[in-house]
Amino acid sequence: MILLPNFFMFNGSEKKKFLFVSIDGSIQDLAWHVAKEGHEVKYSIDEASQKDVGDGFVPKVEDWQKEVSWADVIVFDDVRGQGAKAKKLRDEGKAVIGGTPYTDKLEDDRAFGQDELQKAGISVIPHWDFTSFDDAIKFVQEHPDKYVIKPSGKAQVIKHLLFVGEEDDGKDVLRILSDYKNVWGKKIKEFQLQKRISGVEIAVGAFFNGKEFATPINVNFEHKKLFPGNIGPATGEMGTSMFWSEPNKLFNMTLKKMETKLKEENYHGYIDINCIVNGSGVHPLEFTSRFGFPTISIQQEGILTPIGEFLHGIASGTMSKFRTRIGFQIGVAIVLPPVPFSDSKTFEVYSKDAVIIFKKPNFDGIHIDDVKLVENEWVVTGTSGWALVVTGDGQTMRQAQKQAYSRINNILIPNMYYRTDIGNRWFEDSDKLQNWGYLRE
């Protein structure tokens, strides 16, 4: 049995027309949930290999620009030049969720993002930017230490290229830099070496309505490695735990200081800063100036305000407060080969057109990624192997985990895999964060 995408759950709020615009098909779940509330939805995907993602769940259009006059709200999903399009439409008077050239650059250009943090009075981790691997190798040889290698620009979307050094003398970083020079020299045009800081990795994010941050804010903990125990290759994200909060010390020391600049930019959307915190301070790592994955799916689990009403409020600038659940939410990515790598042959053999089976007709907490509907069956599509995000909610982190993993037990997909420890970081990290005071006002 499947959940038909035209089974609307209209909540009584005013019906709106939403146009969702995606580069590679990453907001079909958001569009689907808005449609289930009874709003009119149209969805456009740019990349040819991803165009059938979401088929059967949401109505599709080929050329989104022809639908601009139809839409009450336009929602962009990414940076990569989308900010200029969103800004132009806002300047023309449209209600838009999306960035600006400035906010795109905050994420795309690591050096620029760090400079803007410093301009806002936010301390940053010592870092050095390079366009030459030989120069970087010479630098580490002359200044041996633990470093993190972070590709910038287009190469930073290849998540397994990020390398976190473990050796005090930096010899592991030297080996990786030498390998990258030989293998990736033509693709990695610029990169950053960042001094490795020990502490708790935590992110703080919030939705900005063009004038101010809407509250509550979001505190989240990413799980980027492929295997439980935080081992294996880096992925885009295997799962996230989070909670909603009134503005706290962590927010006030970081994002809050960007409020004036974001107001100048008339930014409408979600923005997040990933940080390392310890007893000596907060050390911001990088911006995400768009919806995060799987963050936006998990946030829907915790937002009580109807999601269509919420998106319209952020896009129009009328939403300054919204309702959320008390407690914790987690989301677990359900993936198939070749995740976390790109290998079209492996995907074709092991994952393409795999049928998603639900043992019982319970679809609570189920969020689609690269999935389409064929003859009333949920089928894996696209090119990557990212299939579903399964969420859970609870008054405690353990309750949220129990709900999410019980929902996963209801799912069968050939060759599926996922992490079994999403949320576990909280049990150790929370004591440190409370002691350091970052979660208090």
Protein backbone atom coordinates (compact mmCIF):
# COMPACT_ATOMS: atom_id res chain seq x y z
CA MET A 1 0.00 0.00 0.00
CA ILE A 2 1.22 3.51 -0.75
CA LEU A 3 0.35 7.01 0.34
CA LEU A 4 -1.19 8.66 -2.71
CA PRO A 5 0.33 12.10 -3.30
CA ASN A 6 -3.07 13.61 -4.03
CA PHE A 7 -4.37 12.68 -0.59
CA PHE A 8 -4.58 16.27 0.60
CA MET A 9 -4.63 17.14 4.29
CA PHE A 10 -5.90 20.70 3.91
CA ASN A 11 -5.58 22.51 7.23
CA GLY A 12 -7.95 25.39 6.63
CA SER A 13 -5.30 28.10 6.09
CA GLU A 14 -5.55 30.25 2.98
CA LYS A 15 -4.66 28.34 -0.15
CA LYS A 16 -1.54 29.63 -1.98
CA LYS A 17 0.31 28.87 -5.21
CA PHE A 18 3.87 27.63 -4.63
CA LEU A 19 6.58 27.34 -7.29
CA PHE A 20 9.58 25.24 -6.19
CA VAL A 21 12.80 25.68 -8.19
CA SER A 22 15.61 23.13 -7.83
CA ILE A 23 18.97 22.56 -9.50
CA ASP A 24 19.28 18.85 -8.77
CA GLY A 25 16.06 17.77 -7.10
CA SER A 26 16.46 18.35 -3.36
CA ILE A 27 13.18 19.94 -2.24
CA GLN A 28 10.58 17.53 -3.60
CA ASP A 29 9.76 16.46 -0.04
CA LEU A 30 9.05 20.04 1.00
CA ALA A 31 6.92 20.56 -2.12
CA TRP A 32 5.05 17.30 -1.43
CA HIS A 33 4.18 18.28 2.14
CA VAL A 34 2.99 21.71 1.01
CA ALA A 35 0.78 20.02 -1.59
CA LYS A 36 -0.67 17.69 1.04
CA GLU A 37 -1.87 20.76 2.93
CA GLY A 38 -4.03 21.64 -0.05
CA HIS A 39 -1.93 24.35 -1.68
CA GLU A 40 -1.27 24.43 -5.42
CA VAL A 41 2.27 23.34 -6.22
CA LYS A 42 4.50 23.32 -9.29
CA TYR A 43 8.05 21.93 -9.21
CA SER A 44 10.94 22.41 -11.64
CA ILE A 45 14.29 20.54 -11.68
CA ASP A 46 17.18 21.76 -13.81
CA GLU A 47 19.53 18.75 -14.09
CA ALA A 48 18.43 16.33 -16.82
CA SER A 49 19.47 13.22 -14.88
CA GLN A 50 17.26 14.23 -11.94
CA LYS A 51 14.15 15.43 -13.74
CA ASP A 52 11.97 12.44 -12.82
CA VAL A 53 12.68 12.81 -9.09
CA GLY A 54 9.38 13.46 -7.33
CA ASP A 55 7.25 12.36 -10.31
CA GLY A 56 3.79 11.36 -9.14
CA PHE A 57 4.20 13.14 -5.81
CA VAL A 58 4.17 16.75 -7.04
CA PRO A 59 3.14 18.37 -10.34
CA LYS A 60 6.14 19.21 -12.54
CA VAL A 61 6.92 22.03 -14.97
CA GLU A 62 9.79 22.20 -17.45
CA ASP A 63 10.40 25.95 -17.49
CA TRP A 64 9.87 27.54 -14.10
CA GLN A 65 10.33 31.07 -15.42
CA LYS A 66 7.07 30.77 -17.35
CA GLU A 67 5.28 30.12 -14.03
CA VAL A 68 6.55 33.16 -12.10
CA SER A 69 3.44 35.25 -12.68
CA TRP A 70 1.27 32.31 -11.55
CA ALA A 71 3.04 31.84 -8.20
CA ASP A 72 2.26 33.49 -4.87
CA VAL A 73 5.48 32.11 -3.36
CA ILE A 74 8.69 31.01 -5.13
CA VAL A 75 11.09 28.70 -3.28
CA PHE A 76 14.72 28.11 -4.34
CA ASP A 77 16.73 25.25 -2.88
CA ASP A 78 20.40 26.02 -3.40
CA VAL A 79 23.25 28.47 -3.87
CA ARG A 80 25.29 27.95 -7.10
CA GLY A 81 23.94 31.11 -8.70
CA GLN A 82 20.37 30.77 -7.46
CA GLY A 83 20.80 33.81 -5.20
CA ALA A 84 20.94 36.21 -8.16
CA LYS A 85 17.68 34.78 -9.52
CA ALA A 86 15.96 34.99 -6.14
CA LYS A 87 17.12 38.56 -5.56
CA LYS A 88 15.90 39.69 -8.98
CA LEU A 89 12.43 38.27 -8.32
CA ARG A 90 12.27 39.86 -4.87
CA ASP A 91 13.29 43.20 -6.33
CA GLU A 92 10.34 42.80 -8.72
CA GLY A 93 7.98 42.38 -5.76
CA LYS A 94 7.62 38.59 -5.60
CA ALA A 95 7.52 36.67 -2.31
CA VAL A 96 10.65 34.50 -2.53
CA ILE A 97 12.59 32.13 -0.31
CA GLY A 98 16.17 32.10 -1.55
CA GLY A 99 19.49 33.85 -1.29
CA THR A 100 21.34 36.76 -2.81
CA PRO A 101 24.74 36.83 -4.54
CA TYR A 102 26.19 37.81 -1.15
CA THR A 103 24.65 34.90 0.80
CA ASP A 104 25.58 32.46 -1.99
CA LYS A 105 29.18 33.61 -1.64
CA LEU A 106 29.09 33.12 2.14
CA GLU A 107 28.76 29.39 1.49
CA ASP A 108 30.58 28.98 -1.84
CA ASP A 109 33.73 30.91 -0.91
CA ARG A 110 35.13 29.74 2.42
CA ALA A 111 37.65 32.56 2.64
CA PHE A 112 34.94 35.17 2.05
CA GLY A 113 32.70 33.54 4.67
CA GLN A 114 35.47 33.68 7.26
CA ASP A 115 36.21 37.32 6.41
CA GLU A 116 32.54 38.24 6.87
CA LEU A 117 32.45 36.51 10.24
CA GLN A 118 35.41 38.59 11.35
CA LYS A 119 33.80 41.79 10.06
CA ALA A 120 30.75 40.97 12.19
CA GLY A 121 32.95 40.65 15.28
CA ILE A 122 32.91 36.84 15.39
CA SER A 123 36.19 35.11 16.18
CA VAL A 124 37.29 32.49 13.62
CA ILE A 125 39.68 29.56 13.59
CA PRO A 126 43.12 30.35 12.11
CA HIS A 127 43.01 29.40 8.42
CA TRP A 128 45.03 29.82 5.24
CA ASP A 129 43.76 29.88 1.67
CA PHE A 130 45.67 28.31 -1.23
CA THR A 131 45.46 27.93 -4.98
CA SER A 132 48.63 25.80 -5.16
CA PHE A 133 49.17 22.38 -3.56
CA ASP A 134 52.93 22.94 -3.59
CA ASP A 135 52.47 26.12 -1.53
CA ALA A 136 50.24 24.29 0.95
CA ILE A 137 52.68 21.41 1.29
CA LYS A 138 55.52 23.85 1.96
CA PHE A 139 53.37 25.64 4.56
CA VAL A 140 52.62 22.46 6.52
CA GLN A 141 56.26 21.40 6.37
CA GLU A 142 57.26 24.74 7.88
CA HIS A 143 54.36 24.82 10.39
CA PRO A 144 53.67 21.20 11.46
CA ASP A 145 50.31 20.86 13.24
CA LYS A 146 46.87 19.28 12.92
CA TYR A 147 44.91 20.75 9.99
CA VAL A 148 41.63 20.27 8.16
CA ILE A 149 41.70 20.35 4.34
CA LYS A 150 38.59 22.06 2.92
CA PRO A 151 38.14 22.45 -0.85
CA SER A 152 36.43 25.70 -1.87
CA GLY A 153 34.21 26.65 -4.78
CA LYS A 154 32.68 23.92 -6.93
CA ALA A 155 34.90 21.20 -5.44
CA GLN A 156 33.49 21.64 -1.93
CA VAL A 157 30.29 19.78 -2.92
CA ILE A 158 32.43 16.60 -3.22
CA LYS A 159 32.16 15.81 0.48
CA HIS A 160 34.71 13.00 0.66
CA LEU A 161 37.48 15.45 -0.27
CA LEU A 162 37.25 17.14 3.14
CA PHE A 163 40.03 15.66 5.28
CA VAL A 164 40.46 16.03 9.05
CA GLY A 165 44.06 15.55 10.13
CA GLU A 166 44.87 13.38 13.15
CA GLU A 167 48.66 13.60 13.45
CA ASP A 168 50.32 16.34 15.52
CA ASP A 169 53.13 16.80 12.99
CA GLY A 170 50.74 17.11 10.04
CA LYS A 171 52.29 14.21 8.10
CA ASP A 172 48.87 12.72 7.29
CA VAL A 173 47.82 16.09 5.86
CA LEU A 174 51.01 16.21 3.77
CA ARG A 175 50.24 12.78 2.31
CA ILE A 176 46.68 13.80 1.42
CA LEU A 177 47.80 17.09 -0.12
CA SER A 178 50.30 15.20 -2.29
CA ASP A 179 47.60 12.72 -3.38
CA TYR A 180 45.13 15.53 -4.13
CA LYS A 181 47.78 17.31 -6.19
CA ASN A 182 48.18 14.23 -8.41
CA VAL A 183 44.53 13.14 -8.64
CA TRP A 184 42.43 16.26 -8.10
CA GLY A 185 44.80 19.03 -9.15
CA LYS A 186 42.70 20.04 -12.16
CA LYS A 187 39.39 20.13 -10.26
CA ILE A 188 40.41 21.69 -6.94
CA LYS A 189 41.28 25.23 -7.93
CA GLU A 190 41.26 26.65 -4.41
CA PHE A 191 41.18 25.22 -0.93
CA GLN A 192 41.65 26.11 2.69
CA LEU A 193 43.79 24.71 5.46
CA GLN A 194 42.15 25.27 8.81
CA LYS A 195 43.81 24.66 12.15
CA ARG A 196 42.06 21.75 13.82
CA ILE A 197 40.33 22.73 17.05
CA SER A 198 39.10 20.16 19.58
CA GLY A 199 35.63 20.44 21.05
CA VAL A 200 31.96 19.76 20.30
CA GLU A 201 30.73 20.20 16.74
CA ILE A 202 27.37 21.95 16.79
CA ALA A 203 25.37 24.08 14.38
CA VAL A 204 22.95 26.90 15.05
CA GLY A 205 20.50 28.05 12.40
CA ALA A 206 17.43 30.21 11.97
CA PHE A 207 14.98 31.45 9.36
CA PHE A 208 15.36 35.09 8.30
CA ASN A 209 12.30 37.01 7.08
CA GLY A 210 14.05 39.90 5.34
CA LYS A 211 14.14 42.07 8.45
CA GLU A 212 14.97 39.82 11.40
CA PHE A 213 15.37 36.24 12.54
CA ALA A 214 12.10 34.42 13.13
CA THR A 215 12.03 32.46 16.36
CA PRO A 216 12.54 29.89 17.70
CA ILE A 217 16.02 29.07 16.42
CA ASN A 218 17.35 25.61 15.57
CA VAL A 219 20.26 23.81 17.26
CA ASN A 220 21.46 20.71 15.40
CA PHE A 221 24.13 18.03 15.40
CA GLU A 222 25.24 16.51 12.09
CA HIS A 223 26.47 12.95 11.55
CA LYS A 224 28.59 13.12 8.39
CA LYS A 225 30.51 9.84 8.35
CA LEU A 226 29.03 6.80 6.60
CA PHE A 227 29.21 4.26 9.42
CA PRO A 228 28.01 4.17 13.04
CA GLY A 229 30.65 5.38 15.48
CA ASN A 230 31.55 8.22 13.10
CA ILE A 231 33.94 6.17 10.97
CA GLY A 232 34.31 5.65 7.24
CA PRO A 233 34.18 8.13 4.37
CA ALA A 234 32.51 11.51 4.69
CA THR A 235 29.06 11.88 3.15
CA GLY A 236 26.78 14.83 2.55
CA GLU A 237 24.97 13.86 5.74
CA MET A 238 23.78 10.51 7.13
CA GLY A 239 21.49 12.00 9.76
CA THR A 240 20.94 14.89 12.13
CA SER A 241 19.54 15.43 15.61
CA MET A 242 18.10 18.77 16.66
CA PHE A 243 15.85 20.83 18.89
CA TRP A 244 14.15 24.22 18.71
CA SER A 245 15.11 26.89 21.22
CA GLU A 246 14.66 30.51 22.09
CA PRO A 247 17.79 32.53 21.23
CA ASN A 248 20.67 31.27 23.35
CA LYS A 249 24.31 32.17 23.99
CA LEU A 250 25.53 30.22 20.95
CA PHE A 251 23.11 32.05 18.65
CA ASN A 252 23.88 35.46 20.16
CA MET A 253 27.63 34.91 19.70
CA THR A 254 27.30 33.92 16.04
CA LEU A 255 24.23 34.28 13.81
CA LYS A 256 22.72 37.18 15.70
CA LYS A 257 25.75 39.27 14.76
CA MET A 258 24.95 38.72 11.07
CA GLU A 259 21.43 40.14 11.41
CA THR A 260 22.23 43.67 10.21
CA LYS A 261 23.99 42.42 7.08
CA LEU A 262 21.21 39.95 6.26
CA LYS A 263 18.67 42.76 6.63
CA GLU A 264 20.67 44.89 4.20
CA GLU A 265 20.59 41.96 1.78
CA ASN A 266 16.83 41.44 2.27
CA TYR A 267 17.55 37.74 2.75
CA HIS A 268 14.58 35.38 3.10
CA GLY A 269 15.35 31.80 4.06
CA TYR A 270 17.32 29.53 6.34
CA ILE A 271 20.93 30.19 7.34
CA ASP A 272 23.13 28.06 9.56
CA ILE A 273 26.63 28.28 11.03
CA ASN A 274 28.49 25.09 11.89
CA CYS A 275 30.87 25.56 14.84
CA ILE A 276 33.36 23.88 17.12
CA VAL A 277 32.81 24.99 20.70
CA ASN A 278 34.85 24.32 23.81
CA GLY A 279 35.57 25.91 27.16
CA SER A 280 37.59 28.69 25.57
CA GLY A 281 35.00 29.88 23.06
CA VAL A 282 32.97 29.42 19.89
CA HIS A 283 34.86 28.71 16.66
CA PRO A 284 32.67 29.01 13.52
CA LEU A 285 33.53 26.69 10.64
CA GLU A 286 31.25 27.49 7.72
CA PHE A 287 27.90 28.84 6.54
CA THR A 288 24.97 27.04 4.97
CA SER A 289 22.82 29.75 3.41
CA ARG A 290 19.96 27.60 2.08
CA PHE A 291 17.85 24.66 3.18
CA GLY A 292 20.09 21.95 4.60
CA PHE A 293 19.77 18.24 3.83
CA PRO A 294 18.30 16.38 5.66
CA THR A 295 17.77 19.36 7.97
CA ILE A 296 14.64 20.74 6.29
CA SER A 297 12.89 17.34 6.42
CA ILE A 298 13.64 16.97 10.13
CA GLN A 299 12.62 20.56 10.82
CA GLN A 300 9.21 19.77 9.36
CA GLU A 301 8.85 17.11 12.07
CA GLY A 302 9.24 19.81 14.73
CA ILE A 303 7.38 22.74 13.16
CA LEU A 304 3.72 22.83 14.24
CA THR A 305 2.76 25.85 12.13
CA PRO A 306 1.44 24.49 8.79
CA ILE A 307 4.45 24.37 6.49
CA GLY A 308 2.75 26.27 3.66
CA GLU A 309 1.75 29.07 6.03
CA PHE A 310 5.28 29.06 7.44
CA LEU A 311 7.01 29.31 4.04
CA HIS A 312 4.65 32.08 2.91
CA GLY A 313 5.33 33.99 6.15
CA ILE A 314 9.12 33.81 5.71
CA ALA A 315 8.93 34.70 2.01
CA SER A 316 6.56 37.64 2.55
CA GLY A 317 8.30 38.90 5.71
CA THR A 318 5.19 38.52 7.88
CA MET A 319 6.38 35.57 10.02
CA SER A 320 8.44 36.51 13.09
CA LYS A 321 7.34 33.71 15.43
CA PHE A 322 6.12 30.20 14.69
CA ARG A 323 5.05 27.17 16.70
CA THR A 324 7.32 24.18 17.29
CA ARG A 325 7.33 21.00 19.32
CA ILE A 326 9.05 20.83 22.70
CA GLY A 327 11.72 18.14 22.78
CA PHE A 328 13.98 16.58 20.18
CA GLN A 329 13.82 15.49 16.56
CA ILE A 330 16.14 13.20 14.63
CA GLY A 331 16.33 12.24 10.97
CA VAL A 332 18.05 9.20 9.47
CA ALA A 333 19.06 9.03 5.81
CA ILE A 334 18.15 5.76 4.08
CA VAL A 335 20.60 5.23 1.23
CA LEU A 336 21.60 2.69 -1.41
CA PRO A 337 24.78 2.07 -3.43
CA PRO A 338 26.90 3.93 -4.48
CA VAL A 339 26.48 6.40 -1.55
CA PRO A 340 28.68 8.21 -0.61
CA PHE A 341 30.39 8.00 -3.99
CA SER A 342 29.30 8.83 -7.53
CA ASP A 343 29.25 5.73 -9.71
CA SER A 344 26.52 5.51 -12.33
CA LYS A 345 27.21 1.85 -13.16
CA THR A 346 26.88 0.78 -9.52
CA PHE A 347 23.66 2.77 -9.17
CA GLU A 348 22.22 1.17 -12.34
CA VAL A 349 23.02 -2.35 -11.12
CA TYR A 350 22.07 -2.16 -7.43
CA SER A 351 19.69 0.75 -6.90
CA LYS A 352 17.89 2.15 -9.94
CA ASP A 353 14.14 1.46 -9.89
CA ALA A 354 14.36 -0.37 -6.54
CA VAL A 355 10.86 -0.61 -5.04
CA ILE A 356 10.29 0.79 -1.56
CA ILE A 357 8.05 -1.50 0.45
CA PHE A 358 6.18 -0.53 3.62
CA LYS A 359 5.26 -3.53 5.78
CA LYS A 360 2.35 -1.61 7.26
CA PRO A 361 0.57 1.41 5.71
CA ASN A 362 2.12 3.90 8.12
CA PHE A 363 3.87 6.85 6.48
CA ASP A 364 4.36 9.09 9.51
CA GLY A 365 7.84 10.63 9.50
CA ILE A 366 8.60 9.49 5.94
CA HIS A 367 10.27 12.08 3.72
CA ILE A 368 11.11 11.45 0.07
CA ASP A 369 14.42 12.18 -1.60
CA ASP A 370 15.27 10.59 -4.97
CA VAL A 371 11.95 8.78 -5.29
CA LYS A 372 9.12 8.72 -7.82
CA LEU A 373 5.68 7.12 -7.96
CA VAL A 374 5.11 4.44 -10.63
CA GLU A 375 1.80 2.55 -10.79
CA ASN A 376 1.18 3.39 -7.12
CA GLU A 377 4.61 2.06 -6.11
CA TRP A 378 7.41 4.13 -4.55
CA VAL A 379 10.52 3.66 -6.73
CA VAL A 380 14.11 4.86 -6.29
CA THR A 381 15.22 7.11 -9.14
CA GLY A 382 17.77 9.83 -9.90
CA THR A 383 21.44 8.92 -9.99
CA SER A 384 22.78 9.03 -6.43
CA GLY A 385 21.16 6.43 -4.15
CA TRP A 386 19.70 8.87 -1.61
CA ALA A 387 16.20 7.45 -1.08
CA LEU A 388 14.43 8.58 2.10
CA VAL A 389 14.79 10.51 5.33
CA VAL A 390 12.95 8.97 8.27
CA THR A 391 12.26 11.22 11.24
CA GLY A 392 11.29 10.79 14.87
CA ASP A 393 10.20 13.14 17.64
CA GLY A 394 10.17 12.86 21.43
CA GLN A 395 10.40 14.64 24.75
CA THR A 396 13.85 13.07 25.12
CA MET A 397 16.49 12.17 22.56
CA ARG A 398 15.99 8.47 23.28
CA GLN A 399 12.25 8.77 22.58
CA ALA A 400 12.99 10.49 19.28
CA GLN A 401 15.47 7.76 18.37
CA LYS A 402 13.03 4.99 19.29
CA GLN A 403 10.31 6.47 17.10
CA ALA A 404 12.57 7.04 14.09
CA TYR A 405 14.12 3.57 14.16
CA SER A 406 10.76 1.86 14.70
CA ARG A 407 9.58 3.65 11.54
CA ILE A 408 12.67 2.42 9.67
CA ASN A 409 11.85 -1.14 10.71
CA ASN A 410 8.67 -0.77 8.66
CA ILE A 411 10.65 -0.16 5.44
CA LEU A 412 12.16 -2.65 3.01
CA ILE A 413 14.40 -1.59 0.11
CA PRO A 414 16.88 -4.01 -1.47
CA ASN A 415 20.47 -3.04 -0.54
CA MET A 416 19.42 -0.20 1.77
CA TYR A 417 21.72 0.93 4.58
CA TYR A 418 21.74 3.63 7.25
CA ARG A 419 23.42 4.66 10.50
CA THR A 420 22.01 3.19 13.69
CA ASP A 421 23.41 5.80 16.08
CA ILE A 422 21.90 9.12 14.98
CA GLY A 423 21.38 11.17 18.14
CA ASN A 424 23.94 9.37 20.28
CA ARG A 425 26.29 12.37 20.22
CA TRP A 426 23.83 14.26 22.41
CA PHE A 427 24.37 12.02 25.44
CA GLU A 428 28.02 13.08 25.76
CA ASP A 429 27.95 16.52 24.18
CA SER A 430 24.98 17.89 26.16
CA ASP A 431 26.83 17.85 29.49
CA LYS A 432 29.72 19.82 28.02
CA LEU A 433 27.43 22.32 26.30
CA GLN A 434 25.44 22.88 29.47
CA ASN A 435 28.61 23.31 31.54
CA TRP A 436 29.97 25.84 29.06
CA GLY A 437 26.64 27.69 29.03
CA TYR A 438 26.09 27.79 25.28
CA LEU A 439 22.52 26.47 25.39
CA ARG A 440 21.33 29.09 27.90
CA GLU A 441 20.21 32.63 27.09
